[in-house]
C-alpha atoms as a PDB file:
ATOM      1  CA  VAL A   1     159.824 -50.613-101.808  1.00  0.00           C
ATOM      2  CA  PHE A   2     163.402 -49.653-100.915  1.00  0.00           C
ATOM      3  CA  LEU A   3     165.200 -47.027-102.985  1.00  0.00           C
ATOM      4  CA  LEU A   4     168.130 -46.617-100.637  1.00  0.00           C
ATOM      5  CA  PHE A   5     170.822 -47.260-103.233  1.00  0.00           C
ATOM      6  CA  GLU A   6     169.901 -43.925-104.788  1.00  0.00           C
ATOM      7  CA  ALA A   7     170.126 -41.936-101.563  1.00  0.00           C
ATOM      8  CA  PRO A   8     172.463 -38.917-101.675  1.00  0.00           C
ATOM      9  CA  ALA A   9     175.464 -38.685 -99.377  1.00  0.00           C
ATOM     10  CA  ASP A  10     173.862 -36.112 -97.062  1.00  0.00           C
ATOM     11  CA  MET A  11     170.858 -38.405 -96.542  1.00  0.00           C
ATOM     12  CA  ALA A  12     173.192 -41.305 -95.761  1.00  0.00           C
ATOM     13  CA  ARG A  13     174.952 -39.247 -93.082  1.00  0.00           C
ATOM     14  CA  ALA A  14     171.647 -38.115 -91.601  1.00  0.00           C
ATOM     15  CA  THR A  15     169.971 -41.536 -91.466  1.00  0.00           C
ATOM     16  CA  GLY A  16     172.840 -43.899 -90.706  1.00  0.00           C
ATOM     17  CA  TRP A  17     172.486 -45.690 -94.029  1.00  0.00           C
ATOM     18  CA  VAL A  18     175.656 -47.540 -95.125  1.00  0.00           C
ATOM     19  CA  ASP A  19     176.006 -47.801 -98.896  1.00  0.00           C
ATOM     20  CA  THR A  20     176.649 -51.366-100.085  1.00  0.00           C
ATOM     21  CA  GLY A  21     175.967 -50.754-103.789  1.00  0.00           C
ATOM     22  CA  LEU A  22     178.383 -51.804-106.501  1.00  0.00           C
ATOM     23  CA  GLU A  23     180.188 -48.445-106.674  1.00  0.00           C
ATOM     24  CA  ALA A  24     180.736 -48.533-102.909  1.00  0.00           C
ATOM     25  CA  PHE A  25     182.036 -52.102-103.151  1.00  0.00           C
ATOM     26  CA  LEU A  26     184.483 -51.193-105.925  1.00  0.00           C
ATOM     27  CA  ALA A  27     185.866 -48.372-103.781  1.00  0.00           C
ATOM     28  CA  VAL A  28     186.661 -50.760-100.920  1.00  0.00           C
ATOM     29  CA  ASP A  29     190.219 -51.951-100.212  1.00  0.00           C
ATOM     30  CA  PHE A  30     190.528 -55.738-100.173  1.00  0.00           C
ATOM     31  CA  THR A  31     194.303 -55.767-100.706  1.00  0.00           C
ATOM     32  CA  SER A  32     195.871 -54.534 -97.449  1.00  0.00           C
ATOM     33  CA  ASN A  33     194.990 -57.783 -95.644  1.00  0.00           C
ATOM     34  CA  PRO A  34     193.863 -61.193 -96.926  1.00  0.00           C
ATOM     35  CA  SER A  35     190.172 -60.740 -97.643  1.00  0.00           C
ATOM     36  CA  ASN A  36     189.493 -64.345 -96.628  1.00  0.00           C
ATOM     37  CA  ALA A  37     190.811 -63.690 -93.081  1.00  0.00           C
ATOM     38  CA  ILE A  38     187.689 -62.740 -91.083  1.00  0.00           C
ATOM     39  CA  THR A  39     189.092 -61.012 -87.996  1.00  0.00           C
ATOM     40  CA  ASN A  40     186.218 -58.636 -87.235  1.00  0.00           C
ATOM     41  CA  PRO A  41     186.096 -58.384 -83.393  1.00  0.00           C
ATOM     42  CA  TRP A  42     182.296 -58.854 -83.382  1.00  0.00           C
ATOM     43  CA  TRP A  43     182.179 -61.932 -85.598  1.00  0.00           C
ATOM     44  CA  THR A  44     185.511 -63.697 -85.944  1.00  0.00           C
ATOM     45  CA  MET A  45     185.740 -66.691 -88.284  1.00  0.00           C
ATOM     46  CA  ALA A  46     188.896 -68.688 -87.652  1.00  0.00           C
ATOM     47  CA  PRO A  47     189.349 -71.608 -90.064  1.00  0.00           C
ATOM     48  CA  GLY A  48     188.680 -74.955 -88.431  1.00  0.00           C
ATOM     49  CA  THR A  49     186.253 -73.612 -85.820  1.00  0.00           C
ATOM     50  CA  ASN A  50     182.526 -74.208 -85.560  1.00  0.00           C
ATOM     51  CA  ALA A  51     179.487 -73.117 -83.548  1.00  0.00           C
ATOM     52  CA  LEU A  52     176.452 -75.227 -82.596  1.00  0.00           C
ATOM     53  CA  TYR A  53     173.040 -73.581 -82.113  1.00  0.00           C
ATOM     54  CA  PHE A  54     169.820 -75.055 -80.729  1.00  0.00           C
ATOM     55  CA  ALA A  55     166.154 -74.005 -80.773  1.00  0.00           C
ATOM     56  CA  GLU A  56     162.892 -75.663 -79.752  1.00  0.00           C
ATOM     57  CA  GLU A  57     159.413 -74.887 -81.073  1.00  0.00           C
ATOM     58  CA  ASP A  58     156.155 -76.845 -80.711  1.00  0.00           C
ATOM     59  CA  GLY A  59     157.929 -80.043 -79.738  1.00  0.00           C
ATOM     60  CA  GLU A  60     160.407 -79.864 -82.613  1.00  0.00           C
ATOM     61  CA  CYS A  61     164.124 -79.386 -81.983  1.00  0.00           C
ATOM     62  CA  ALA A  62     166.431 -77.701 -84.485  1.00  0.00           C
ATOM     63  CA  TRP A  63     170.212 -78.070 -84.422  1.00  0.00           C
ATOM     64  CA  ASN A  64     172.299 -75.711 -86.533  1.00  0.00           C
ATOM     65  CA  LEU A  65     176.053 -76.225 -87.064  1.00  0.00           C
ATOM     66  CA  VAL A  66     178.075 -73.375 -88.611  1.00  0.00           C
ATOM     67  CA  GLU A  67     181.598 -74.391 -89.667  1.00  0.00           C
ATOM     68  CA  VAL A  68     184.434 -72.151 -90.847  1.00  0.00           C
ATOM     69  CA  LEU A  69     186.185 -74.205 -93.502  1.00  0.00           C
ATOM     70  CA  ALA A  70     189.825 -73.992 -94.500  1.00  0.00           C
ATOM     71  CA  LEU A  71     188.595 -73.494 -98.063  1.00  0.00           C
ATOM     72  CA  THR A  72     188.427 -70.172 -99.889  1.00  0.00           C
ATOM     73  CA  THR A  73     187.055 -69.206-103.289  1.00  0.00           C
ATOM     74  CA  ASP A  74     187.424 -66.289-105.699  1.00  0.00           C
ATOM     75  CA  ASN A  75     185.132 -67.698-108.380  1.00  0.00           C
ATOM     76  CA  PHE A  76     182.694 -64.790-108.521  1.00  0.00           C
ATOM     77  CA  ALA A  77     181.397 -62.981-111.569  1.00  0.00           C
ATOM     78  CA  GLY A  78     181.585 -59.540-113.149  1.00  0.00           C
ATOM     79  CA  ASP A  79     182.950 -56.761-110.942  1.00  0.00           C
ATOM     80  CA  TYR A  80     183.197 -59.200-108.004  1.00  0.00           C
ATOM     81  CA  ALA A  81     185.508 -61.620-109.830  1.00  0.00           C
ATOM     82  CA  GLY A  82     188.760 -62.321-108.012  1.00  0.00           C
ATOM     83  CA  ILE A  83     187.613 -61.359-104.501  1.00  0.00           C
ATOM     84  CA  ASP A  84     188.908 -64.164-102.276  1.00  0.00           C
ATOM     85  CA  ALA A  85     186.215 -65.251 -99.814  1.00  0.00           C
ATOM     86  CA  ARG A  86     186.101 -67.598 -96.845  1.00  0.00           C
ATOM     87  CA  VAL A  87     183.771 -70.587 -97.265  1.00  0.00           C
ATOM     88  CA  ILE A  88     181.324 -71.255 -94.400  1.00  0.00           C
ATOM     89  CA  LEU A  89     179.287 -74.464 -94.185  1.00  0.00           C
ATOM     90  CA  ASP A  90     175.915 -74.080 -92.433  1.00  0.00           C
ATOM     91  CA  ARG A  91     173.754 -77.186 -91.828  1.00  0.00           C
ATOM     92  CA  GLU A  92     170.464 -77.609 -89.986  1.00  0.00           C
ATOM     93  CA  TRP A  93     168.975 -80.813 -88.586  1.00  0.00           C
ATOM     94  CA  LYS A  94     165.389 -81.091 -87.313  1.00  0.00           C
ATOM     95  CA  ASP A  95     164.427 -83.633 -84.681  1.00  0.00           C
ATOM     96  CA  GLU A  96     160.645 -83.670 -85.006  1.00  0.00           C
ATOM     97  CA  ASP A  97     160.036 -85.391 -81.655  1.00  0.00           C
ATOM     98  CA  CYS A  98     163.055 -84.031 -79.731  1.00  0.00           C
ATOM     99  CA  GLN A  99     164.043 -87.633 -79.057  1.00  0.00           C
ATOM    100  CA  TYR A 100     167.794 -87.091 -79.148  1.00  0.00           C
ATOM    101  CA  ASP A 101     169.672 -85.484 -76.262  1.00  0.00           C
ATOM    102  CA  ALA A 102     173.047 -85.015 -77.931  1.00  0.00           C
ATOM    103  CA  PHE A 103     174.092 -83.566 -81.260  1.00  0.00           C
ATOM    104  CA  ALA A 104     176.236 -86.658 -81.987  1.00  0.00           C
ATOM    105  CA  GLU A 105     173.012 -88.701 -81.967  1.00  0.00           C
ATOM    106  CA  VAL A 106     171.236 -86.162 -84.163  1.00  0.00           C
ATOM    107  CA  TRP A 107     173.691 -86.268 -87.041  1.00  0.00           C
ATOM    108  CA  ALA A 108     174.235 -90.014 -86.652  1.00  0.00           C
ATOM    109  CA  TYR A 109     170.552 -90.756 -87.281  1.00  0.00           C
ATOM    110  CA  LEU A 110     169.156 -87.769 -89.175  1.00  0.00           C
ATOM    111  CA  SER A 111     170.041 -86.121 -92.474  1.00  0.00           C
ATOM    112  CA  PRO A 112     170.297 -82.315 -92.647  1.00  0.00           C
ATOM    113  CA  GLU A 113     167.102 -80.490 -93.543  1.00  0.00           C
ATOM    114  CA  GLU A 114     169.127 -77.684 -95.114  1.00  0.00           C
ATOM    115  CA  THR A 115     172.740 -77.332 -96.237  1.00  0.00           C
ATOM    116  CA  THR A 116     174.235 -73.986 -97.220  1.00  0.00           C
ATOM    117  CA  TYR A 117     177.663 -72.815 -98.313  1.00  0.00           C
ATOM    118  CA  ASP A 118     178.158 -69.086 -97.619  1.00  0.00           C
ATOM    119  CA  TRP A 119     180.966 -66.859 -98.930  1.00  0.00           C
ATOM    120  CA  TYR A 120     182.366 -63.989 -96.842  1.00  0.00           C
ATOM    121  CA  ALA A 121     185.189 -61.499 -97.484  1.00  0.00           C
ATOM    122  CA  GLN A 122     186.581 -58.799 -95.195  1.00  0.00           C
ATOM    123  CA  ASP A 123     187.787 -55.384 -96.336  1.00  0.00           C
ATOM    124  CA  ALA A 124     190.565 -53.252 -94.841  1.00  0.00           C
ATOM    125  CA  ASP A 125     188.095 -51.624 -92.415  1.00  0.00           C
ATOM    126  CA  ARG A 126     187.014 -55.109 -91.238  1.00  0.00           C
ATOM    127  CA  ASN A 127     183.551 -54.860 -92.739  1.00  0.00           C
ATOM    128  CA  ILE A 128     182.380 -58.390 -93.555  1.00  0.00           C
ATOM    129  CA  TRP A 129     180.877 -58.627 -97.038  1.00  0.00           C
ATOM    130  CA  TYR A 130     178.498 -61.402 -98.062  1.00  0.00           C
ATOM    131  CA  LEU A 131     179.058 -62.572-101.645  1.00  0.00           C
ATOM    132  CA  GLY A 132     176.375 -65.217-101.921  1.00  0.00           C
ATOM    133  CA  GLU A 133     175.312 -68.694-100.988  1.00  0.00           C
ATOM    134  CA  ASP A 134     174.582 -72.120-102.381  1.00  0.00           C
ATOM    135  CA  THR A 135     171.719 -73.581-100.362  1.00  0.00           C
ATOM    136  CA  TRP A 136     169.670 -76.761-100.597  1.00  0.00           C
ATOM    137  CA  ASP A 137     166.528 -77.717 -98.665  1.00  0.00           C
ATOM    138  CA  GLY A 138     164.660 -79.554-101.377  1.00  0.00           C
ATOM    139  CA  ASP A 139     165.265 -76.771-103.890  1.00  0.00           C
ATOM    140  CA  SER A 140     167.897 -74.083-104.373  1.00  0.00           C
ATOM    141  CA  GLY A 141     165.675 -71.086-103.641  1.00  0.00           C
ATOM    142  CA  GLY A 142     167.605 -68.157-102.210  1.00  0.00           C
ATOM    143  CA  SER A 143     170.916 -69.176-103.754  1.00  0.00           C
ATOM    144  CA  PHE A 144     172.858 -66.428-105.498  1.00  0.00           C
ATOM    145  CA  ILE A 145     176.366 -65.463-106.598  1.00  0.00           C
ATOM    146  CA  ALA A 146     177.537 -61.848-106.489  1.00  0.00           C
ATOM    147  CA  GLY A 147     177.859 -60.549-110.024  1.00  0.00           C
ATOM    148  CA  CYS A 148     175.495 -63.112-111.581  1.00  0.00           C
ATOM    149  CA  ASP A 149     172.016 -62.232-112.836  1.00  0.00           C
ATOM    150  CA  GLY A 150     172.043 -58.811-111.136  1.00  0.00           C
ATOM    151  CA  ALA A 151     172.991 -60.146-107.669  1.00  0.00           C
ATOM    152  CA  GLU A 152     175.056 -57.824-105.472  1.00  0.00           C
ATOM    153  CA  ALA A 153     177.140 -58.341-102.347  1.00  0.00           C
ATOM    154  CA  GLY A 154     176.109 -56.768 -99.053  1.00  0.00           C
ATOM    155  CA  ILE A 155     177.503 -56.260 -95.563  1.00  0.00           C
ATOM    156  CA  VAL A 156     176.651 -58.642 -92.711  1.00  0.00           C
ATOM    157  CA  MET A 157     178.850 -57.031 -90.042  1.00  0.00           C
ATOM    158  CA  LEU A 158     180.342 -53.565 -89.884  1.00  0.00           C
ATOM    159  CA  GLY A 159     183.949 -53.136 -88.842  1.00  0.00           C
ATOM    160  CA  ASN A 160     182.999 -50.201 -86.657  1.00  0.00           C
ATOM    161  CA  PRO A 161     179.271 -50.572 -85.877  1.00  0.00           C
ATOM    162  CA  ALA A 162     177.379 -47.567 -84.520  1.00  0.00           C
ATOM    163  CA  LYS A 163     173.851 -47.404 -83.154  1.00  0.00           C
ATOM    164  CA  GLY A 164     171.384 -46.612 -85.941  1.00  0.00           C
ATOM    165  CA  ALA A 165     173.582 -47.776 -88.833  1.00  0.00           C
ATOM    166  CA  PHE A 166     171.662 -49.865 -91.371  1.00  0.00           C
ATOM    167  CA  TYR A 167     172.662 -51.624 -94.561  1.00  0.00           C
ATOM    168  CA  GLN A 168     171.602 -54.165 -97.150  1.00  0.00           C
ATOM    169  CA  GLN A 169     173.092 -57.575 -96.386  1.00  0.00           C
ATOM    170  CA  GLU A 170     172.417 -59.202 -99.740  1.00  0.00           C
ATOM    171  CA  PHE A 171     170.587 -58.425-102.939  1.00  0.00           C
ATOM    172  CA  TYR A 172     169.186 -60.821-105.515  1.00  0.00           C
ATOM    173  CA  ALA A 173     165.826 -59.492-106.682  1.00  0.00           C
ATOM    174  CA  GLY A 174     162.921 -61.574-105.469  1.00  0.00           C
ATOM    175  CA  GLU A 175     165.155 -64.145-103.773  1.00  0.00           C
ATOM    176  CA  ALA A 176     167.567 -62.547-101.271  1.00  0.00           C
ATOM    177  CA  GLU A 177     166.989 -58.977-100.045  1.00  0.00           C
ATOM    178  CA  ASP A 178     167.919 -58.994 -96.331  1.00  0.00           C
ATOM    179  CA  TRP A 179     168.681 -55.831 -94.345  1.00  0.00           C
ATOM    180  CA  GLY A 180     170.414 -55.230 -91.028  1.00  0.00           C
ATOM    181  CA  LYS A 181     170.356 -52.402 -88.484  1.00  0.00           C
ATOM    182  CA  VAL A 182     172.448 -51.814 -85.357  1.00  0.00           C
ATOM    183  CA  LEU A 183     169.970 -51.365 -82.510  1.00  0.00           C
ATOM    184  CA  ASN A 184     172.127 -51.137 -79.408  1.00  0.00           C
ATOM    185  CA  PHE A 185     175.009 -52.401 -77.294  1.00  0.00           C
ATOM    186  CA  VAL A 186     173.981 -54.611 -74.361  1.00  0.00           C
ATOM    187  CA  PRO A 187     175.833 -56.629 -71.690  1.00  0.00           C
ATOM    188  CA  ILE A 188     175.409 -60.433 -71.655  1.00  0.00           C
ATOM    189  CA  ASP A 189     177.444 -62.727 -69.396  1.00  0.00           C
ATOM    190  CA  GLU A 190     179.960 -59.947 -68.717  1.00  0.00           C
ATOM    191  CA  LEU A 191     180.550 -59.487 -72.435  1.00  0.00           C
ATOM    192  CA  ASN A 192     179.751 -56.451 -74.559  1.00  0.00           C
ATOM    193  CA  CYS A 193     177.153 -57.518 -77.112  1.00  0.00           C
ATOM    194  CA  LEU A 194     175.957 -55.919 -80.312  1.00  0.00           C
ATOM    195  CA  LYS A 195     172.210 -56.229 -80.958  1.00  0.00           C
ATOM    196  CA  ILE A 196     171.338 -56.229 -84.652  1.00  0.00           C
ATOM    197  CA  LYS A 197     167.876 -56.293 -86.207  1.00  0.00           C
ATOM    198  CA  GLU A 198     167.564 -58.240 -89.456  1.00  0.00           C
ATOM    199  CA  TRP A 199     164.553 -58.317 -91.762  1.00  0.00           C
ATOM    200  CA  ASN A 200     163.555 -59.263 -95.280  1.00  0.00           C
ATOM    201  CA  PRO A 201     160.973 -57.275 -97.301  1.00  0.00           C
ATOM    202  CA  LEU A 202     160.105 -60.534 -99.077  1.00  0.00           C
ATOM    203  CA  ASP A 203     158.894 -62.019 -95.769  1.00  0.00           C
ATOM    204  CA  PRO A 204     156.897 -59.258 -94.040  1.00  0.00           C
ATOM    205  CA  GLY A 205     156.642 -59.561 -90.280  1.00  0.00           C
ATOM    206  CA  HIS A 206     159.605 -61.906 -89.884  1.00  0.00           C
ATOM    207  CA  VAL A 207     162.275 -60.129 -87.848  1.00  0.00           C
ATOM    208  CA  GLU A 208     165.380 -61.489 -86.149  1.00  0.00           C
ATOM    209  CA  HIS A 209     167.422 -59.917 -83.370  1.00  0.00           C
ATOM    210  CA  LYS A 210     170.974 -61.239 -83.350  1.00  0.00           C
ATOM    211  CA  TYR A 211     173.384 -60.715 -80.449  1.00  0.00           C
ATOM    212  CA  TYR A 212     177.080 -60.748 -81.311  1.00  0.00           C
ATOM    213  CA  CYS A 213     179.254 -60.760 -78.186  1.00  0.00           C
ATOM    214  CA  SER A 214     182.916 -59.791 -78.011  1.00  0.00           C
ATOM    215  CA  ASP A 215     185.730 -59.622 -75.488  1.00  0.00           C
ATOM    216  CA  GLY A 216     187.246 -56.780 -77.512  1.00  0.00           C
ATOM    217  CA  THR A 217     189.474 -58.931 -79.699  1.00  0.00           C
ATOM    218  CA  ALA A 218     187.225 -61.731 -80.958  1.00  0.00           C
ATOM    219  CA  GLY A 219     183.477 -62.231 -81.130  1.00  0.00           C
ATOM    220  CA  GLN A 220     180.765 -64.751 -81.885  1.00  0.00           C
ATOM    221  CA  LEU A 221     177.025 -64.862 -82.544  1.00  0.00           C
ATOM    222  CA  LEU A 222     175.656 -65.833 -79.125  1.00  0.00           C
ATOM    223  CA  LEU A 223     171.865 -65.565 -79.368  1.00  0.00           C
ATOM    224  CA  ILE A 224     169.095 -65.126 -81.950  1.00  0.00           C
ATOM    225  CA  GLU A 225     165.519 -64.051 -81.273  1.00  0.00           C
ATOM    226  CA  GLU A 226     163.224 -64.972 -84.173  1.00  0.00           C
ATOM    227  CA  LEU A 227     160.117 -62.805 -84.042  1.00  0.00           C
ATOM    228  CA  LYS A 228     157.060 -63.792 -86.067  1.00  0.00           C
ATOM    229  CA  GLY A 229     153.937 -64.505 -84.100  1.00  0.00           C
ATOM    230  CA  LYS A 230     155.756 -65.838 -81.059  1.00  0.00           C
ATOM    231  CA  THR A 231     159.424 -65.525 -80.153  1.00  0.00           C
ATOM    232  CA  ILE A 232     161.765 -68.432 -80.853  1.00  0.00           C
ATOM    233  CA  ILE A 233     165.108 -68.362 -79.042  1.00  0.00           C
ATOM    234  CA  VAL A 234     168.161 -69.799 -80.799  1.00  0.00           C
ATOM    235  CA  ASN A 235     171.076 -70.313 -78.401  1.00  0.00           C
ATOM    236  CA  LEU A 236     174.753 -70.963 -78.979  1.00  0.00           C
ATOM    237  CA  ILE A 237     175.188 -74.157 -76.933  1.00  0.00           C
ATOM    238  CA  ASP A 238     178.688 -75.316 -77.883  1.00  0.00           C
ATOM    239  CA  SER A 239     181.735 -74.513 -79.978  1.00  0.00           C
ATOM    240  CA  ASN A 240     184.295 -76.658 -81.778  1.00  0.00           C
ATOM    241  CA  VAL A 241     182.205 -79.817 -81.531  1.00  0.00           C
ATOM    242  CA  ALA A 242     182.890 -83.093 -83.308  1.00  0.00           C
ATOM    243  CA  ALA A 243     181.236 -82.597 -86.682  1.00  0.00           C
ATOM    244  CA  PRO A 244     179.911 -84.910 -89.383  1.00  0.00           C
ATOM    245  CA  PRO A 245     181.852 -84.991 -92.657  1.00  0.00           C
ATOM    246  CA  PRO A 246     180.938 -82.231 -95.107  1.00  0.00           C
ATOM    247  CA  PRO A 247     178.752 -83.216 -98.046  1.00  0.00           C
ATOM    248  CA  ALA A 248     180.388 -84.344-101.238  1.00  0.00           C
ATOM    249  CA  GLY A 249     180.718 -81.874-104.066  1.00  0.00           C
ATOM    250  CA  PRO A 250     182.455 -78.544-104.626  1.00  0.00           C
ATOM    251  CA  PRO A 251     181.463 -75.744-102.219  1.00  0.00           C
ATOM    252  CA  SER A 252     182.551 -72.932-104.535  1.00  0.00           C
ATOM    253  CA  PRO A 253     180.308 -70.728-106.675  1.00  0.00           C
END
């Protein structure tokens, strides 16, 4: 059971905890720069760009396309209403027999297993806040909107990450309770990379290590290690690929 939202300021300084509770959110400046412009140097989201990830497990191949749309939305609820967020489209295809060699073949012949719209906003310190998601993989489990039914925004990337800093990435009781912690800075392919541990108390034992790599001005998620039983490696294999049309229907909350 996590009671970190009640931690006093001296505990936060001592442990590296970053407060993402509602009072902390309301104290944040979203007005000095467009909040929908995600320019964080560790995870930069330029409209019109995309990233293609690939993983293989037990003869099954998974392709994951993350697209930064030109769309924005400010249709949030309660104290989060009016925050203008960037809309990200995240789709996953599963090729059960790994019969296709190219992503163009995958999306030509297979339907996505999961489709998610995510909403991100950046504050003046370039912290990236996560305001919810609309996801579908047969049901809408895990979907939430900041300000609705007790759901709160969290941080997915700090503007100035430091080793040991940890923070709640999202909160919707019983559905979305992910946490992140900065583990270290490591070199990969001559880039400086930020290694972040992510976990969810609702799924004990499932841990991910994500590596965000930057040249100092712009960055991208390069590698994911999924740890539960055995390690599954998710690699960034291409960027700005030809993409299938987005699904019909409004992507806003």
